[in-house]
C-alpha cells in the first residue's frame, strides 16, 4: 500500500541500523483523497475535503500491521510503530513525517544523511535532499520517486525524517512495474517516469 511504502522508506535505515529506540517510532502521514480509492464516499470528494484536514482510523489503520511486520524484520525483533493517517485537500500525494528517539544522542544530521545515502545508494527511486531542504508532495507527483529530508532535534534527541511520494505511482502502479522489472531481471527504471507533473 501507499502508506506502508512511504513510511517504510523513511523508517528502514533507522530500524536496519539499530539507530533508534524502537518503541518510540511515530509516523504522521498525510494523503490526498485518491488514497481512499474510487468509492463514493463524501469525505473523499475534493469539494468536501477542501479547507479541511482530518485524521482517520486512528490507532487501528489497516496498514499498521504491514508497517510493523517489515520494521520488525529489519530490526530483528518485534516492534510497534504508532501510525496516524490524515486526509488533506489535494488529489494525490503522501507526506509522511517520522519521529523517533535516537539510541546515540551524539548522532547529528550529517551522520544520518551519510547512513541514508549508503542505505539507498543503489536505489534510483530514492532522492535524499540536502541539509535544510524538506520534501513537498508536488515534487513527486507523476513519478516513482520518493524524496527524503532528514533532521535531528538535539533538544529532544529525536530524528525527524520527512518523505514524500505520489500515492498513485510510487504507492501503487509505479511500484508494481518496479517490482516486475526486478523480478524479470530488467533495468529497475524501465517504463517508469522520473520527471513529474511539476512545475
Protein backbone atom coordinates (compact mmCIF):
# COMPACT_ATOMS: atom_id res chain seq x y z
CA UNK A 1 0.00 0.00 0.00
CA UNK A 2 0.95 3.64 -0.36
CA UNK A 3 1.13 4.40 3.37
CA UNK A 4 3.47 1.46 4.10
CA UNK A 5 5.66 2.42 1.13
CA UNK A 6 6.33 5.99 2.23
CA UNK A 7 6.54 5.02 5.92
CA UNK A 8 8.99 2.18 5.33
CA UNK A 9 11.22 4.20 3.01
CA UNK A 10 11.55 6.75 5.82
CA UNK A 11 11.98 4.16 8.60
CA UNK A 12 14.01 1.33 7.02
CA UNK A 13 17.56 2.65 7.62
CA UNK A 14 16.69 3.54 11.23
CA UNK A 15 15.49 0.03 12.07
CA UNK A 16 18.04 -1.85 9.96
CA UNK A 17 20.99 0.00 11.52
CA UNK A 18 19.54 -0.06 15.06
CA UNK A 19 19.70 3.73 15.29
CA UNK A 20 16.51 4.34 17.27
CA UNK A 21 14.75 3.28 20.43
CA UNK A 22 12.28 1.11 18.53
CA UNK A 23 9.21 1.70 20.67
CA UNK A 24 9.43 5.46 20.03
CA UNK A 25 8.77 5.34 16.26
CA UNK A 26 5.84 7.54 15.21
CA UNK A 27 4.55 8.02 11.66
CA UNK A 28 2.30 11.01 11.00
CA UNK A 29 1.15 10.72 7.37
CA UNK A 30 -0.99 12.96 5.19
CA UNK A 31 -2.56 11.70 1.98
CA UNK A 32 -4.55 13.16 -0.86
CA UNK A 33 -8.10 11.91 -1.27
CA UNK A 34 -7.22 9.48 -4.08
CA UNK A 35 -5.62 7.32 -1.38
CA UNK A 36 -9.13 6.29 -0.36
CA UNK A 37 -9.85 4.75 -3.76
CA UNK A 38 -12.74 5.48 -6.11
CA UNK A 39 -15.59 4.59 -3.79
CA UNK A 40 -18.37 7.13 -3.46
CA UNK A 41 -17.72 8.46 -0.01
CA UNK A 42 -18.42 12.10 0.83
CA UNK A 43 -15.15 12.62 2.73
CA UNK A 44 -13.15 11.61 -0.38
CA UNK A 45 -14.73 14.25 -2.62
CA UNK A 46 -12.41 17.22 -3.11
CA UNK A 47 -15.35 19.57 -2.59
CA UNK A 48 -15.86 18.05 0.88
CA UNK A 49 -12.16 17.81 1.70
CA UNK A 50 -11.42 21.40 0.67
CA UNK A 51 -10.17 23.61 3.51
CA UNK A 52 -10.11 20.68 5.92
CA UNK A 53 -7.52 18.27 7.33
CA UNK A 54 -8.55 15.33 9.46
CA UNK A 55 -7.18 12.13 10.95
CA UNK A 56 -8.94 8.80 10.42
CA UNK A 57 -8.57 5.17 11.55
CA UNK A 58 -6.50 6.43 14.48
CA UNK A 59 -4.78 3.56 16.37
CA UNK A 60 -6.41 0.98 14.07
CA UNK A 61 -5.42 1.63 10.46
CA UNK A 62 -5.33 -1.50 8.30
CA UNK A 63 -1.77 -0.78 7.10
CA UNK A 64 -0.22 -0.59 10.57
CA UNK A 65 0.44 -4.38 10.74
CA UNK A 66 2.29 -4.27 7.39
CA UNK A 67 4.48 -1.40 8.56
CA UNK A 68 5.22 -3.18 11.85
CA UNK A 69 5.97 -6.51 10.17
CA UNK A 70 8.63 -5.04 7.87
CA UNK A 71 10.10 -2.88 10.64
CA UNK A 72 10.28 -5.99 12.86
CA UNK A 73 12.06 -7.90 10.09
CA UNK A 74 14.54 -5.06 9.69
CA UNK A 75 15.13 -4.70 13.44
CA UNK A 76 15.43 -8.45 14.02
CA UNK A 77 12.78 -8.40 16.75
CA UNK A 78 9.14 -7.47 17.13
CA UNK A 79 8.47 -3.73 17.18
CA UNK A 80 5.41 -1.49 17.32
CA UNK A 81 5.01 1.71 15.34
CA UNK A 82 2.48 4.43 16.10
CA UNK A 83 0.82 5.27 12.77
CA UNK A 84 -1.76 8.02 12.23
CA UNK A 85 -3.07 8.84 8.73
CA UNK A 86 -4.73 12.10 7.71
CA UNK A 87 -6.67 13.20 4.64
CA UNK A 88 -5.68 16.57 3.22
CA UNK A 89 -7.37 18.62 0.48
CA UNK A 90 -5.33 17.52 -2.52
CA UNK A 91 -5.95 14.83 -5.13
CA UNK A 92 -2.72 12.86 -4.94
CA UNK A 93 0.46 12.50 -2.91
CA UNK A 94 1.55 11.47 0.58
CA UNK A 95 3.81 13.26 3.02
CA UNK A 96 4.96 11.20 6.00
CA UNK A 97 6.78 12.70 8.95
CA UNK A 98 8.55 10.10 11.10
CA UNK A 99 9.74 10.80 14.64
CA UNK A 100 11.90 8.52 16.81
CA UNK A 101 14.33 8.82 19.70
CA UNK A 102 17.96 8.16 18.75
CA UNK A 103 19.88 5.47 20.64
CA UNK A 104 23.01 7.59 20.34
CA UNK A 105 22.21 11.23 21.16
CA UNK A 106 25.59 12.18 19.69
CA UNK A 107 24.38 11.49 16.14
CA UNK A 108 23.92 14.59 14.03
CA UNK A 109 22.03 15.23 10.81
CA UNK A 110 25.14 14.76 8.65
CA UNK A 111 25.70 11.29 10.19
CA UNK A 112 22.17 10.28 9.28
CA UNK A 113 22.47 11.68 5.76
CA UNK A 114 25.59 9.52 5.31
CA UNK A 115 23.80 6.44 6.69
CA UNK A 116 20.73 7.01 4.49
CA UNK A 117 22.95 7.69 1.48
CA UNK A 118 24.73 4.36 1.96
CA UNK A 119 21.46 2.51 2.55
CA UNK A 120 19.84 3.88 -0.61
CA UNK A 121 22.94 4.16 -2.82
CA UNK A 122 21.58 1.53 -5.26
CA UNK A 123 18.02 2.86 -5.21
CA UNK A 124 17.33 5.00 -8.27
CA UNK A 125 13.91 6.00 -6.93
CA UNK A 126 15.01 7.48 -3.59
CA UNK A 127 16.29 11.05 -3.59
CA UNK A 128 17.92 12.34 -0.40
CA UNK A 129 17.60 16.08 -0.05
CA UNK A 130 20.41 18.43 1.01
CA UNK A 131 20.62 19.82 4.52
CA UNK A 132 17.69 22.06 5.40
CA UNK A 133 15.55 21.04 2.41
CA UNK A 134 12.36 19.07 3.11
CA UNK A 135 10.19 17.33 0.52
CA UNK A 136 6.91 18.52 -0.91
CA UNK A 137 4.32 16.20 -2.42
CA UNK A 138 4.21 18.20 -5.65
CA UNK A 139 7.82 17.26 -6.40
CA UNK A 140 6.92 13.55 -6.57
CA UNK A 141 3.62 13.97 -8.41
CA UNK A 142 3.58 11.82 -11.54
CA UNK A 143 6.81 9.99 -10.68
CA UNK A 144 8.01 6.82 -8.99
CA UNK A 145 10.35 8.89 -6.80
CA UNK A 146 10.48 9.18 -3.04
CA UNK A 147 12.02 12.38 -1.69
CA UNK A 148 13.51 12.21 1.80
CA UNK A 149 14.63 15.03 4.09
CA UNK A 150 16.30 14.42 7.46
CA UNK A 151 16.68 16.50 10.59
CA UNK A 152 17.91 15.86 14.14
CA UNK A 153 16.49 17.77 17.08
CA UNK A 154 19.30 17.94 19.68
CA UNK A 155 16.83 19.31 22.22
CA UNK A 156 14.80 16.07 22.23
CA UNK A 157 17.40 13.62 20.81
CA UNK A 158 14.90 12.74 18.10
CA UNK A 159 15.42 12.12 14.43
CA UNK A 160 12.79 13.55 12.11
CA UNK A 161 12.52 12.01 8.65
CA UNK A 162 10.14 13.51 6.11
CA UNK A 163 9.26 11.53 2.97
CA UNK A 164 7.02 12.35 0.00
CA UNK A 165 5.69 10.11 -2.76
CA UNK A 166 2.94 10.06 -5.36
CA UNK A 167 0.48 7.60 -3.81
CA UNK A 168 -0.82 6.51 -7.21
CA UNK A 169 2.60 5.86 -8.75
CA UNK A 170 5.25 5.01 -6.15
CA UNK A 171 2.45 3.93 -3.82
CA UNK A 172 0.74 1.65 -6.35
CA UNK A 173 1.18 1.30 -10.12
CA UNK A 174 4.78 2.51 -10.39
CA UNK A 175 5.87 0.24 -7.58
CA UNK A 176 4.19 -2.73 -9.31
CA UNK A 177 6.15 -2.01 -12.50
CA UNK A 178 9.36 -1.53 -10.49
CA UNK A 179 8.85 -4.92 -8.79
CA UNK A 180 8.09 -6.60 -12.14
CA UNK A 181 11.30 -5.13 -13.58
CA UNK A 182 13.31 -6.53 -10.67
CA UNK A 183 11.63 -9.95 -10.88
CA UNK A 184 12.34 -10.17 -14.61
CA UNK A 185 15.95 -9.01 -14.27
CA UNK A 186 15.25 -5.87 -16.26
CA UNK A 187 16.51 -2.36 -15.58
CA UNK A 188 14.68 -1.19 -12.46
CA UNK A 189 13.73 2.12 -14.07
CA UNK A 190 12.29 0.61 -17.28
CA UNK A 191 8.98 2.19 -18.26
CA UNK A 192 8.78 4.47 -15.24
CA UNK A 193 8.68 8.28 -15.32
CA UNK A 194 11.32 10.26 -13.50
CA UNK A 195 10.02 13.69 -14.49
CA UNK A 196 6.99 14.82 -12.54
CA UNK A 197 3.96 16.92 -13.35
CA UNK A 198 5.58 19.87 -11.55
CA UNK A 199 6.49 22.56 -12.42
